Amino acid sequence: MFGIRISLDSLDKLDEIEAVPKRKKYLTELKNVEQDIREISHDLNREKSELINNFVSILNKLFEDQINTYSSKLITFFDPEIKWDLMSNIEKINLYRIVQEGLQNCNKYAEADIIRVEFKNENNNLVLRIEDDGIGFNTNRTKNGIGLHNIEYRVKECKGTVTIKSAKGEGTILSIEIPIDPNNNLHNDI
């Protein structure tokens, strides 16, 4: 576009008869640039849509890595009623990090045979539940580590709530509820 503008500026130095065909040529070039910009814009919108639709795929890759790395059995569930496009990218990033941290806690401390990760849509809330059948811990006596503090911070950033249920020998259930804003309509933050 810069080159075309410079070329158009140079037409001021030519007489009108010489300038007319060159002006038409440069206008055609500008139309081509407009078309290229339009196509790039459409491609970017498609990529944004694919990012939204690929969120579950990104999580599944995390789950695949978990299965390939650790001996505990992983069971996952995605409620088909969840409208992922109503969630901002910030919320999705936080959810991903929460799942990542939850799995890391299960792997490091729980000694679990089975880990369940579920995403459900309940009353306009996205409910994430990470449950293990591991050794559990006394929630009143255990000081929350950095991992649990990070989870709580991320949930708060999403205007959600977090509940941890655990007892020695009874496993752990981490439940997170994040409101789904039906007015969000693809107004993603990133």
C-alpha atoms as a PDB file:
ATOM      1  CA  MET A   1       0.000   0.000   0.000  1.00  0.00           C
ATOM      2  CA  PHE A   2       2.886   2.317   0.812  1.00  0.00           C
ATOM      3  CA  GLY A   3       4.412   1.680  -2.608  1.00  0.00           C
ATOM      4  CA  ILE A   4       1.118   2.376  -4.346  1.00  0.00           C
ATOM      5  CA  ARG A   5       0.660   5.603  -2.380  1.00  0.00           C
ATOM      6  CA  ILE A   6       4.175   6.787  -3.357  1.00  0.00           C
ATOM      7  CA  SER A   7       3.419   5.932  -6.981  1.00  0.00           C
ATOM      8  CA  LEU A   8       0.141   7.856  -6.835  1.00  0.00           C
ATOM      9  CA  ASP A   9       1.948  10.837  -5.297  1.00  0.00           C
ATOM     10  CA  SER A  10       4.409  10.816  -8.197  1.00  0.00           C
ATOM     11  CA  LEU A  11       1.517  11.262 -10.645  1.00  0.00           C
ATOM     12  CA  ASP A  12       1.225  14.893  -9.516  1.00  0.00           C
ATOM     13  CA  LYS A  13       4.418  15.600 -11.471  1.00  0.00           C
ATOM     14  CA  LEU A  14       3.023  14.177 -14.735  1.00  0.00           C
ATOM     15  CA  ASP A  15       0.630  15.847 -17.099  1.00  0.00           C
ATOM     16  CA  GLU A  16      -2.916  14.526 -17.107  1.00  0.00           C
ATOM     17  CA  ILE A  17      -2.615  12.503 -20.323  1.00  0.00           C
ATOM     18  CA  GLU A  18       0.333  10.492 -18.957  1.00  0.00           C
ATOM     19  CA  ALA A  19      -1.209  10.182 -15.479  1.00  0.00           C
ATOM     20  CA  VAL A  20      -4.588   8.675 -16.461  1.00  0.00           C
ATOM     21  CA  PRO A  21      -3.401   5.144 -17.454  1.00  0.00           C
ATOM     22  CA  LYS A  22      -0.970   4.995 -14.542  1.00  0.00           C
ATOM     23  CA  ARG A  23      -3.690   6.095 -12.111  1.00  0.00           C
ATOM     24  CA  LYS A  24      -5.967   3.291 -13.397  1.00  0.00           C
ATOM     25  CA  LYS A  25      -3.143   0.785 -12.943  1.00  0.00           C
ATOM     26  CA  TYR A  26      -2.538   1.925  -9.346  1.00  0.00           C
ATOM     27  CA  LEU A  27      -6.270   1.881  -8.556  1.00  0.00           C
ATOM     28  CA  THR A  28      -6.398  -1.731  -9.780  1.00  0.00           C
ATOM     29  CA  GLU A  29      -3.447  -2.534  -7.510  1.00  0.00           C
ATOM     30  CA  LEU A  30      -5.283  -0.902  -4.579  1.00  0.00           C
ATOM     31  CA  LYS A  31      -8.371  -3.026  -5.295  1.00  0.00           C
ATOM     32  CA  ASN A  32      -6.154  -6.126  -5.224  1.00  0.00           C
ATOM     33  CA  VAL A  33      -4.689  -5.046  -1.881  1.00  0.00           C
ATOM     34  CA  GLU A  34      -8.232  -4.511  -0.523  1.00  0.00           C
ATOM     35  CA  GLN A  35      -9.156  -8.033  -1.616  1.00  0.00           C
ATOM     36  CA  ASP A  36      -6.023  -9.465   0.037  1.00  0.00           C
ATOM     37  CA  ILE A  37      -6.858  -7.650   3.280  1.00  0.00           C
ATOM     38  CA  ARG A  38     -10.442  -8.939   3.141  1.00  0.00           C
ATOM     39  CA  GLU A  39      -9.191 -12.529   2.657  1.00  0.00           C
ATOM     40  CA  ILE A  40      -6.692 -12.204   5.508  1.00  0.00           C
ATOM     41  CA  SER A  41      -9.440 -10.851   7.761  1.00  0.00           C
ATOM     42  CA  HIS A  42     -11.702 -13.804   6.911  1.00  0.00           C
ATOM     43  CA  ASP A  43      -8.821 -16.221   7.560  1.00  0.00           C
ATOM     44  CA  LEU A  44      -8.179 -14.631  10.962  1.00  0.00           C
ATOM     45  CA  ASN A  45     -11.863 -14.966  11.874  1.00  0.00           C
ATOM     46  CA  ARG A  46     -11.776 -18.632  10.834  1.00  0.00           C
ATOM     47  CA  GLU A  47      -8.644 -19.188  12.951  1.00  0.00           C
ATOM     48  CA  LYS A  48     -10.308 -17.520  15.947  1.00  0.00           C
ATOM     49  CA  SER A  49     -13.312 -19.795  15.497  1.00  0.00           C
ATOM     50  CA  GLU A  50     -11.034 -22.832  15.211  1.00  0.00           C
ATOM     51  CA  LEU A  51      -9.268 -21.843  18.446  1.00  0.00           C
ATOM     52  CA  ILE A  52     -12.618 -21.752  20.205  1.00  0.00           C
ATOM     53  CA  ASN A  53     -13.658 -25.090  18.717  1.00  0.00           C
ATOM     54  CA  ASN A  54     -10.261 -26.635  19.376  1.00  0.00           C
ATOM     55  CA  PHE A  55     -10.338 -25.979  23.116  1.00  0.00           C
ATOM     56  CA  VAL A  56     -11.628 -29.493  23.767  1.00  0.00           C
ATOM     57  CA  SER A  57      -8.907 -30.857  21.463  1.00  0.00           C
ATOM     58  CA  ILE A  58      -6.279 -28.940  23.431  1.00  0.00           C
ATOM     59  CA  LEU A  59      -7.608 -30.450  26.664  1.00  0.00           C
ATOM     60  CA  ASN A  60      -7.668 -33.904  25.077  1.00  0.00           C
ATOM     61  CA  LYS A  61      -3.982 -33.497  24.218  1.00  0.00           C
ATOM     62  CA  LEU A  62      -3.293 -32.744  27.897  1.00  0.00           C
ATOM     63  CA  PHE A  63      -5.286 -35.853  28.848  1.00  0.00           C
ATOM     64  CA  GLU A  64      -3.406 -37.950  26.302  1.00  0.00           C
ATOM     65  CA  ASP A  65      -0.101 -36.790  27.809  1.00  0.00           C
ATOM     66  CA  GLN A  66      -1.422 -37.707  31.268  1.00  0.00           C
ATOM     67  CA  ILE A  67      -2.387 -41.210  30.111  1.00  0.00           C
ATOM     68  CA  ASN A  68       0.975 -41.746  28.420  1.00  0.00           C
ATOM     69  CA  THR A  69       3.004 -40.521  31.408  1.00  0.00           C
ATOM     70  CA  TYR A  70       1.258 -41.790  34.556  1.00  0.00           C
ATOM     71  CA  SER A  71      -0.070 -45.183  35.614  1.00  0.00           C
ATOM     72  CA  SER A  72      -3.382 -43.999  37.075  1.00  0.00           C
ATOM     73  CA  LYS A  73      -6.455 -44.510  34.897  1.00  0.00           C
ATOM     74  CA  LEU A  74      -7.915 -41.251  33.568  1.00  0.00           C
ATOM     75  CA  ILE A  75     -11.624 -40.940  32.801  1.00  0.00           C
ATOM     76  CA  THR A  76     -12.845 -37.747  31.114  1.00  0.00           C
ATOM     77  CA  PHE A  77     -16.278 -36.407  30.253  1.00  0.00           C
ATOM     78  CA  PHE A  78     -17.376 -33.334  28.287  1.00  0.00           C
ATOM     79  CA  ASP A  79     -21.042 -32.375  28.513  1.00  0.00           C
ATOM     80  CA  PRO A  80     -22.183 -31.781  24.908  1.00  0.00           C
ATOM     81  CA  GLU A  81     -24.481 -29.014  26.205  1.00  0.00           C
ATOM     82  CA  ILE A  82     -21.532 -26.735  27.037  1.00  0.00           C
ATOM     83  CA  LYS A  83     -21.402 -23.749  24.705  1.00  0.00           C
ATOM     84  CA  TRP A  84     -17.654 -23.142  24.633  1.00  0.00           C
ATOM     85  CA  ASP A  85     -18.106 -20.124  22.361  1.00  0.00           C
ATOM     86  CA  LEU A  86     -19.767 -18.285  25.271  1.00  0.00           C
ATOM     87  CA  MET A  87     -16.595 -18.555  27.316  1.00  0.00           C
ATOM     88  CA  SER A  88     -13.786 -16.052  26.897  1.00  0.00           C
ATOM     89  CA  ASN A  89     -10.291 -17.170  25.984  1.00  0.00           C
ATOM     90  CA  ILE A  90      -9.119 -15.950  29.412  1.00  0.00           C
ATOM     91  CA  GLU A  91     -11.614 -18.320  31.031  1.00  0.00           C
ATOM     92  CA  LYS A  92     -10.446 -21.154  28.789  1.00  0.00           C
ATOM     93  CA  ILE A  93      -6.809 -20.499  29.608  1.00  0.00           C
ATOM     94  CA  ASN A  94      -7.644 -20.482  33.320  1.00  0.00           C
ATOM     95  CA  LEU A  95      -9.647 -23.705  32.983  1.00  0.00           C
ATOM     96  CA  TYR A  96      -6.757 -25.362  31.176  1.00  0.00           C
ATOM     97  CA  ARG A  97      -4.308 -24.284  33.890  1.00  0.00           C
ATOM     98  CA  ILE A  98      -6.694 -25.465  36.616  1.00  0.00           C
ATOM     99  CA  VAL A  99      -6.976 -28.904  35.013  1.00  0.00           C
ATOM    100  CA  GLN A 100      -3.209 -28.989  34.576  1.00  0.00           C
ATOM    101  CA  GLU A 101      -2.654 -28.099  38.251  1.00  0.00           C
ATOM    102  CA  GLY A 102      -5.355 -30.518  39.417  1.00  0.00           C
ATOM    103  CA  LEU A 103      -3.776 -33.390  37.502  1.00  0.00           C
ATOM    104  CA  GLN A 104      -0.343 -32.446  38.803  1.00  0.00           C
ATOM    105  CA  ASN A 105      -1.647 -32.566  42.389  1.00  0.00           C
ATOM    106  CA  CYS A 106      -3.200 -35.996  41.718  1.00  0.00           C
ATOM    107  CA  ASN A 107       0.065 -37.266  40.237  1.00  0.00           C
ATOM    108  CA  LYS A 108       2.285 -35.838  42.986  1.00  0.00           C
ATOM    109  CA  TYR A 109       0.309 -36.483  46.133  1.00  0.00           C
ATOM    110  CA  ALA A 110      -2.836 -38.588  45.684  1.00  0.00           C
ATOM    111  CA  GLU A 111      -1.393 -42.013  44.812  1.00  0.00           C
ATOM    112  CA  ALA A 112      -4.654 -42.486  42.905  1.00  0.00           C
ATOM    113  CA  ASP A 113      -5.621 -45.470  40.786  1.00  0.00           C
ATOM    114  CA  ILE A 114      -8.421 -43.559  39.045  1.00  0.00           C
ATOM    115  CA  ILE A 115      -8.750 -39.861  38.216  1.00  0.00           C
ATOM    116  CA  ARG A 116     -11.945 -38.407  36.747  1.00  0.00           C
ATOM    117  CA  VAL A 117     -12.140 -35.030  35.018  1.00  0.00           C
ATOM    118  CA  GLU A 118     -15.606 -33.834  34.050  1.00  0.00           C
ATOM    119  CA  PHE A 119     -16.937 -30.690  32.423  1.00  0.00           C
ATOM    120  CA  LYS A 120     -20.684 -30.188  32.853  1.00  0.00           C
ATOM    121  CA  ASN A 121     -23.210 -27.479  32.138  1.00  0.00           C
ATOM    122  CA  GLU A 122     -25.400 -26.974  35.209  1.00  0.00           C
ATOM    123  CA  ASN A 123     -27.783 -24.019  35.521  1.00  0.00           C
ATOM    124  CA  ASN A 124     -25.730 -21.687  33.272  1.00  0.00           C
ATOM    125  CA  ASN A 125     -22.551 -22.652  35.105  1.00  0.00           C
ATOM    126  CA  LEU A 126     -19.626 -24.575  33.768  1.00  0.00           C
ATOM    127  CA  VAL A 127     -18.802 -27.164  36.406  1.00  0.00           C
ATOM    128  CA  LEU A 128     -15.331 -28.673  36.359  1.00  0.00           C
ATOM    129  CA  ARG A 129     -14.866 -31.613  38.668  1.00  0.00           C
ATOM    130  CA  ILE A 130     -11.547 -33.375  39.233  1.00  0.00           C
ATOM    131  CA  GLU A 131     -11.923 -36.439  41.427  1.00  0.00           C
ATOM    132  CA  ASP A 132      -9.422 -39.072  42.511  1.00  0.00           C
ATOM    133  CA  ASP A 133      -9.590 -42.239  44.611  1.00  0.00           C
ATOM    134  CA  GLY A 134      -6.237 -41.509  46.239  1.00  0.00           C
ATOM    135  CA  ILE A 135      -5.064 -41.180  49.824  1.00  0.00           C
ATOM    136  CA  GLY A 136      -6.858 -37.884  50.401  1.00  0.00           C
ATOM    137  CA  PHE A 137      -5.948 -35.318  53.021  1.00  0.00           C
ATOM    138  CA  ASN A 138      -7.481 -33.512  55.960  1.00  0.00           C
ATOM    139  CA  THR A 139      -8.590 -30.170  54.473  1.00  0.00           C
ATOM    140  CA  ASN A 140      -8.665 -28.575  57.948  1.00  0.00           C
ATOM    141  CA  ARG A 141      -5.105 -29.523  58.828  1.00  0.00           C
ATOM    142  CA  THR A 142      -3.327 -29.225  55.498  1.00  0.00           C
ATOM    143  CA  LYS A 143      -2.028 -25.798  54.616  1.00  0.00           C
ATOM    144  CA  ASN A 144      -2.994 -25.012  51.043  1.00  0.00           C
ATOM    145  CA  GLY A 145       0.065 -25.195  48.844  1.00  0.00           C
ATOM    146  CA  ILE A 146       0.921 -22.909  45.962  1.00  0.00           C
ATOM    147  CA  GLY A 147      -0.973 -25.170  43.530  1.00  0.00           C
ATOM    148  CA  LEU A 148      -4.266 -24.834  45.387  1.00  0.00           C
ATOM    149  CA  HIS A 149      -3.700 -21.091  45.810  1.00  0.00           C
ATOM    150  CA  ASN A 150      -3.150 -20.815  42.042  1.00  0.00           C
ATOM    151  CA  ILE A 151      -6.380 -22.715  41.397  1.00  0.00           C
ATOM    152  CA  GLU A 152      -8.303 -20.464  43.795  1.00  0.00           C
ATOM    153  CA  TYR A 153      -6.848 -17.348  42.149  1.00  0.00           C
ATOM    154  CA  ARG A 154      -7.763 -18.554  38.645  1.00  0.00           C
ATOM    155  CA  VAL A 155     -11.298 -19.462  39.709  1.00  0.00           C
ATOM    156  CA  LYS A 156     -11.718 -16.045  41.326  1.00  0.00           C
ATOM    157  CA  GLU A 157     -10.465 -14.414  38.099  1.00  0.00           C
ATOM    158  CA  CYS A 158     -13.322 -16.236  36.312  1.00  0.00           C
ATOM    159  CA  LYS A 159     -15.848 -15.057  38.935  1.00  0.00           C
ATOM    160  CA  GLY A 160     -16.338 -18.656  40.007  1.00  0.00           C
ATOM    161  CA  THR A 161     -16.281 -20.733  43.153  1.00  0.00           C
ATOM    162  CA  VAL A 162     -14.066 -23.612  44.228  1.00  0.00           C
ATOM    163  CA  THR A 163     -14.827 -26.417  46.669  1.00  0.00           C
ATOM    164  CA  ILE A 164     -12.386 -29.062  47.866  1.00  0.00           C
ATOM    165  CA  LYS A 165     -13.676 -32.201  49.591  1.00  0.00           C
ATOM    166  CA  SER A 166     -11.177 -34.676  50.907  1.00  0.00           C
ATOM    167  CA  ALA A 167     -10.475 -36.907  53.853  1.00  0.00           C
ATOM    168  CA  LYS A 168      -7.649 -39.271  54.711  1.00  0.00           C
ATOM    169  CA  GLY A 169      -8.128 -42.502  52.775  1.00  0.00           C
ATOM    170  CA  GLU A 170     -11.174 -41.217  50.854  1.00  0.00           C
ATOM    171  CA  GLY A 171      -9.715 -39.422  47.853  1.00  0.00           C
ATOM    172  CA  THR A 172     -10.266 -35.818  46.815  1.00  0.00           C
ATOM    173  CA  ILE A 173     -12.917 -33.948  44.855  1.00  0.00           C
ATOM    174  CA  LEU A 174     -12.084 -30.526  43.429  1.00  0.00           C
ATOM    175  CA  SER A 175     -15.239 -28.776  42.154  1.00  0.00           C
ATOM    176  CA  ILE A 176     -15.197 -25.513  40.285  1.00  0.00           C
ATOM    177  CA  GLU A 177     -18.208 -23.535  39.087  1.00  0.00           C
ATOM    178  CA  ILE A 178     -17.823 -20.708  36.618  1.00  0.00           C
ATOM    179  CA  PRO A 179     -20.831 -18.738  35.382  1.00  0.00           C
ATOM    180  CA  ILE A 180     -21.430 -18.940  31.635  1.00  0.00           C
ATOM    181  CA  ASP A 181     -22.431 -15.525  30.338  1.00  0.00           C
ATOM    182  CA  PRO A 182     -25.007 -16.008  27.554  1.00  0.00           C
ATOM    183  CA  ASN A 183     -24.291 -12.427  26.441  1.00  0.00           C
ATOM    184  CA  ASN A 184     -20.588 -13.109  25.879  1.00  0.00           C
ATOM    185  CA  ASN A 185     -21.182 -14.182  22.251  1.00  0.00           C
ATOM    186  CA  LEU A 186     -17.590 -14.589  21.120  1.00  0.00           C
ATOM    187  CA  HIS A 187     -16.319 -11.392  22.787  1.00  0.00           C
ATOM    188  CA  ASN A 188     -13.036 -13.069  23.633  1.00  0.00           C
ATOM    189  CA  ASP A 189     -10.313 -11.295  25.511  1.00  0.00           C
ATOM    190  CA  ILE A 190      -7.415 -12.572  23.404  1.00  0.00           C
END
